[in-house]
N, C-alpha and C. Protein backbone atom coordinates (compact mmCIF):
# COMPACT_ATOMS: atom_id res chain seq x y z
N MET A 1 81.97 122.98 97.43
CA MET A 1 80.80 121.58 96.93
C MET A 1 82.80 121.66 96.65
N PRO A 2 83.06 120.37 96.30
CA PRO A 2 84.64 120.00 95.08
C PRO A 2 84.86 120.34 94.01
N ILE A 3 85.40 120.89 93.65
CA ILE A 3 86.12 121.23 92.70
C ILE A 3 86.04 119.61 91.63
N ASP A 4 85.83 119.04 90.02
CA ASP A 4 86.41 118.51 89.34
C ASP A 4 87.09 118.53 88.14
N THR A 5 87.65 118.40 89.36
CA THR A 5 89.40 118.78 87.87
C THR A 5 89.94 117.53 86.42
N SER A 6 89.10 116.40 87.20
CA SER A 6 89.02 115.67 85.42
C SER A 6 89.23 116.46 84.53
N GLU A 7 88.04 117.02 83.93
CA GLU A 7 88.00 117.91 82.57
C GLU A 7 88.51 118.74 82.54
N ILE A 8 89.38 119.24 83.85
CA ILE A 8 90.52 120.48 82.34
C ILE A 8 92.08 119.75 82.75
N PHE A 9 92.00 118.53 83.90
CA PHE A 9 92.48 117.96 83.09
C PHE A 9 93.07 117.31 81.81
N ASP A 10 91.88 116.59 81.20
CA ASP A 10 91.63 116.30 80.45
C ASP A 10 91.74 117.01 79.05
N LEU A 11 91.14 118.18 79.31
CA LEU A 11 91.64 119.09 77.86
C LEU A 11 93.35 119.60 78.36
N ALA A 12 94.50 119.51 79.42
CA ALA A 12 95.31 119.36 79.18
C ALA A 12 96.09 118.85 78.70
N LEU A 13 95.30 117.57 78.57
CA LEU A 13 95.77 116.62 77.78
C LEU A 13 95.73 116.61 76.66
N ALA A 14 95.08 116.97 75.74
CA ALA A 14 94.31 117.06 75.02
C ALA A 14 95.56 118.41 73.97
N ASP A 15 95.49 119.31 74.95
CA ASP A 15 96.85 120.37 74.04
C ASP A 15 98.04 120.31 74.26
N TRP A 16 98.26 119.87 75.41
CA TRP A 16 99.75 118.98 75.97
C TRP A 16 100.30 118.45 75.46
N GLY A 17 99.24 117.08 76.18
CA GLY A 17 99.53 115.62 76.19
C GLY A 17 100.75 115.16 75.39
N GLU A 18 101.94 114.07 74.89
CA GLU A 18 101.80 113.65 73.87
C GLU A 18 102.28 111.93 74.50
N THR A 19 101.68 110.69 73.40
CA THR A 19 102.72 109.82 73.94
C THR A 19 103.23 108.93 74.74
N VAL A 20 103.72 108.76 74.81
CA VAL A 20 104.87 107.85 76.15
C VAL A 20 105.29 106.58 76.19
N THR A 21 106.75 105.48 76.50
CA THR A 21 105.90 104.60 77.64
C THR A 21 106.55 104.69 78.67
N VAL A 22 105.53 104.04 79.09
CA VAL A 22 105.88 103.91 81.17
C VAL A 22 105.60 102.11 80.95
N GLY A 23 106.62 101.38 81.24
CA GLY A 23 106.23 99.96 81.95
C GLY A 23 106.23 99.15 80.71
N GLY A 24 106.39 99.88 79.89
CA GLY A 24 106.22 99.37 78.02
C GLY A 24 104.51 99.09 77.62
N ALA A 25 104.00 100.42 78.35
CA ALA A 25 102.62 100.75 78.03
C ALA A 25 102.60 102.27 77.61
N GLU A 26 101.66 102.06 75.97
CA GLU A 26 101.70 103.45 75.57
C GLU A 26 100.63 104.38 76.29
N ILE A 27 101.29 105.12 76.47
CA ILE A 27 99.79 106.66 77.39
C ILE A 27 99.77 107.74 76.62
N THR A 28 99.33 109.33 77.30
CA THR A 28 99.09 109.88 77.04
C THR A 28 99.68 110.84 78.77
N ALA A 29 100.77 111.61 78.25
CA ALA A 29 101.47 112.01 79.45
C ALA A 29 102.19 113.45 78.71
N ILE A 30 101.83 114.50 79.74
CA ILE A 30 102.28 116.11 79.72
C ILE A 30 103.92 115.90 80.32
N PHE A 31 104.60 116.33 79.39
CA PHE A 31 106.72 116.10 79.68
C PHE A 31 106.69 117.56 80.43
N ASP A 32 107.58 117.19 81.60
CA ASP A 32 107.70 118.75 81.27
C ASP A 32 109.32 118.34 82.19
N GLU A 33 110.53 119.64 81.75
CA GLU A 33 112.03 119.21 82.31
C GLU A 33 112.14 120.39 82.52
N PRO A 34 111.51 120.90 84.19
CA PRO A 34 112.20 122.32 84.55
C PRO A 34 113.31 121.94 84.32
N PHE A 35 114.00 123.56 84.20
CA PHE A 35 115.24 124.26 84.54
C PHE A 35 115.70 123.57 86.05
N ALA A 36 116.58 122.77 86.16
CA ALA A 36 117.20 123.38 87.76
C ALA A 36 118.43 123.66 88.21
N ALA A 37 118.82 124.21 89.28
CA ALA A 37 119.53 125.13 89.36
C ALA A 37 119.92 124.66 90.71
N ALA A 38 121.35 124.49 91.53
CA ALA A 38 121.60 124.59 92.21
C ALA A 38 123.16 124.97 92.85
N SER A 39 123.16 126.07 93.94
CA SER A 39 124.81 127.01 94.21
C SER A 39 125.15 126.12 95.32
N PRO A 40 125.90 125.91 95.27
CA PRO A 40 126.89 125.79 96.99
C PRO A 40 126.84 126.65 98.06
N PHE A 41 126.66 128.18 96.69
CA PHE A 41 126.70 129.72 98.15
C PHE A 41 124.97 129.69 98.62
N ASP A 42 124.62 128.30 98.82
CA ASP A 42 123.22 128.41 99.33
C ASP A 42 122.88 127.41 100.09
N HIS A 43 122.15 127.46 101.64
CA HIS A 43 122.18 126.64 102.29
C HIS A 43 121.19 125.60 102.04
N GLY A 44 120.56 126.14 101.14
CA GLY A 44 119.94 124.24 101.10
C GLY A 44 119.57 124.41 99.25
N VAL A 45 119.36 122.91 98.77
CA VAL A 45 119.71 122.76 97.66
C VAL A 45 118.42 122.53 97.22
N GLU A 46 117.72 122.92 95.23
CA GLU A 46 116.97 122.71 95.52
C GLU A 46 117.01 122.33 94.09
N SER A 47 116.37 121.35 93.12
CA SER A 47 116.75 120.47 91.54
C SER A 47 114.54 120.24 91.69
N SER A 48 114.30 120.16 90.59
CA SER A 48 113.98 119.43 90.23
C SER A 48 113.99 119.02 88.25
N GLY A 49 113.36 117.72 88.08
CA GLY A 49 113.62 116.89 87.38
C GLY A 49 113.16 117.12 86.27
N PRO A 50 112.87 115.96 85.54
CA PRO A 50 111.92 115.92 84.45
C PRO A 50 110.75 114.77 85.03
N GLN A 51 110.02 115.23 84.29
CA GLN A 51 108.55 114.62 84.90
C GLN A 51 107.82 114.51 84.30
N ILE A 52 107.16 113.17 83.70
CA ILE A 52 105.26 113.38 83.30
C ILE A 52 104.16 113.34 84.33
N SER A 53 103.00 114.22 83.65
CA SER A 53 102.06 113.78 84.66
C SER A 53 100.39 113.11 84.15
N CYS A 54 99.76 112.24 84.02
CA CYS A 54 99.06 111.80 83.23
C CYS A 54 98.28 111.25 84.54
N ARG A 55 97.19 110.07 83.97
CA ARG A 55 95.75 110.12 85.04
C ARG A 55 96.23 108.85 85.18
N THR A 56 95.72 108.67 86.75
CA THR A 56 96.30 107.54 87.29
C THR A 56 95.75 106.13 86.69
N SER A 57 94.63 106.13 86.26
CA SER A 57 94.43 105.19 85.59
C SER A 57 95.28 104.67 84.66
N ASP A 58 95.39 105.68 83.71
CA ASP A 58 96.23 104.91 82.60
C ASP A 58 97.89 104.08 82.52
N LEU A 59 98.47 104.16 83.82
CA LEU A 59 99.35 104.06 84.09
C LEU A 59 99.43 102.09 84.47
N PRO A 60 100.36 101.81 84.39
CA PRO A 60 100.23 100.48 84.09
C PRO A 60 100.10 99.58 85.14
N ASP A 61 99.85 98.53 85.81
CA ASP A 61 100.28 98.35 87.52
C ASP A 61 101.68 97.93 88.09
N GLY A 62 101.40 98.24 88.98
CA GLY A 62 103.32 98.45 90.05
C GLY A 62 103.94 98.83 89.17
N THR A 63 103.54 100.66 88.63
CA THR A 63 104.24 101.20 88.82
C THR A 63 105.38 102.18 89.54
N ASP A 64 106.03 102.10 89.68
CA ASP A 64 106.92 102.49 90.76
C ASP A 64 108.10 103.16 91.01
N HIS A 65 108.69 103.48 91.67
CA HIS A 65 110.79 103.37 91.92
C HIS A 65 111.34 102.10 90.62
N GLY A 66 111.68 102.96 90.04
CA GLY A 66 112.63 102.21 88.86
C GLY A 66 111.96 101.51 87.34
N THR A 67 110.67 101.98 87.28
CA THR A 67 110.02 101.45 86.89
C THR A 67 110.34 102.35 85.08
N ALA A 68 110.31 101.80 83.62
CA ALA A 68 111.24 101.98 82.75
C ALA A 68 109.98 102.88 81.68
N VAL A 69 110.36 104.63 81.55
CA VAL A 69 109.75 105.38 80.76
C VAL A 69 110.89 105.94 79.18
N THR A 70 110.08 106.58 78.46
CA THR A 70 110.48 106.61 77.38
C THR A 70 110.08 107.43 76.45
N VAL A 71 110.57 108.93 76.94
CA VAL A 71 109.99 110.19 76.42
C VAL A 71 110.67 110.53 74.94
N ARG A 72 110.06 110.96 73.76
CA ARG A 72 111.02 111.99 73.00
C ARG A 72 112.42 111.23 72.49
N GLY A 73 111.95 109.85 72.82
CA GLY A 73 113.31 109.20 72.65
C GLY A 73 114.36 108.46 73.06
N SER A 74 113.78 109.58 74.21
CA SER A 74 114.82 109.39 75.75
C SER A 74 114.34 108.17 76.12
N SER A 75 116.08 107.66 77.06
CA SER A 75 115.35 106.69 78.28
C SER A 75 115.06 107.30 79.36
N TYR A 76 114.39 107.13 80.66
CA TYR A 76 114.39 107.25 82.11
C TYR A 76 113.81 106.97 82.72
N THR A 77 114.14 106.37 84.30
CA THR A 77 113.51 105.62 85.42
C THR A 77 112.75 106.24 86.49
N VAL A 78 111.96 106.11 86.61
CA VAL A 78 110.96 106.97 88.00
C VAL A 78 111.73 106.59 89.10
N SER A 79 111.55 108.19 89.44
CA SER A 79 112.03 108.09 90.59
C SER A 79 111.75 108.73 92.33
N GLY A 80 110.01 108.83 91.54
CA GLY A 80 109.04 109.14 92.15
C GLY A 80 108.18 109.17 92.05
N ARG A 81 107.24 108.94 92.73
CA ARG A 81 105.30 108.98 92.32
C ARG A 81 104.00 109.99 93.58
N GLN A 82 103.42 110.61 93.24
CA GLN A 82 102.88 111.38 93.55
C GLN A 82 101.38 111.49 92.83
N ASP A 83 100.60 111.03 93.52
CA ASP A 83 99.36 110.32 93.45
C ASP A 83 98.32 111.74 94.03
N ASP A 84 97.82 112.67 93.18
CA ASP A 84 97.32 113.78 93.57
C ASP A 84 95.32 113.36 94.72
N GLY A 85 95.70 111.67 94.93
CA GLY A 85 94.03 111.54 94.92
C GLY A 85 92.65 111.82 94.21
N LEU A 86 93.32 112.26 93.40
CA LEU A 86 91.81 113.05 92.32
C LEU A 86 91.86 112.48 91.12
N GLY A 87 93.26 111.20 90.85
CA GLY A 87 93.29 110.81 89.67
C GLY A 87 93.91 110.85 88.71
N GLU A 88 94.69 112.30 89.41
CA GLU A 88 96.02 113.01 88.26
C GLU A 88 97.67 112.03 88.98
N THR A 89 98.35 111.34 88.64
CA THR A 89 99.49 111.14 88.87
C THR A 89 101.11 111.60 88.22
N THR A 90 101.52 112.05 89.16
CA THR A 90 102.60 112.92 88.90
C THR A 90 104.32 111.75 89.42
N LEU A 91 105.34 111.59 87.91
CA LEU A 91 106.10 111.02 87.83
C LEU A 91 107.46 111.56 87.50
N THR A 92 108.31 111.49 89.13
CA THR A 92 109.67 112.36 88.81
C THR A 92 110.90 111.30 88.11
N LEU A 93 111.51 112.06 87.24
CA LEU A 93 112.29 110.71 86.69
C LEU A 93 113.51 111.07 86.58
N ARG A 94 114.88 110.42 85.53
CA ARG A 94 115.78 110.24 86.17
C ARG A 94 116.00 109.64 84.72
N ALA A 95 117.72 110.35 83.95
CA ALA A 95 118.01 109.40 82.65
C ALA A 95 118.50 107.85 82.96
N ALA A 96 118.27 107.62 82.76
CA ALA A 96 118.62 105.73 82.28
C ALA A 96 119.23 105.56 81.79
């Protein structure tokens, strides 16, 4: 039997979600700005940048690469979009 993760995500949004603006629309999302480190001495370079996670249904139509996002007064654009197929989307951001 598949696990319904929507209830768990709703609880996470209630606890950690904040109002952000995506493409001019205000939505509730979880903002994460993980540490990113890259070393010229490593064989591969790994990094991650700021991102938001939200309900896919909350995103305005056409949200994709280049869409403007404002979080905590800072401006970003979408540089990546990952839909999980279960109703949640993660948008990777870069400073505008």
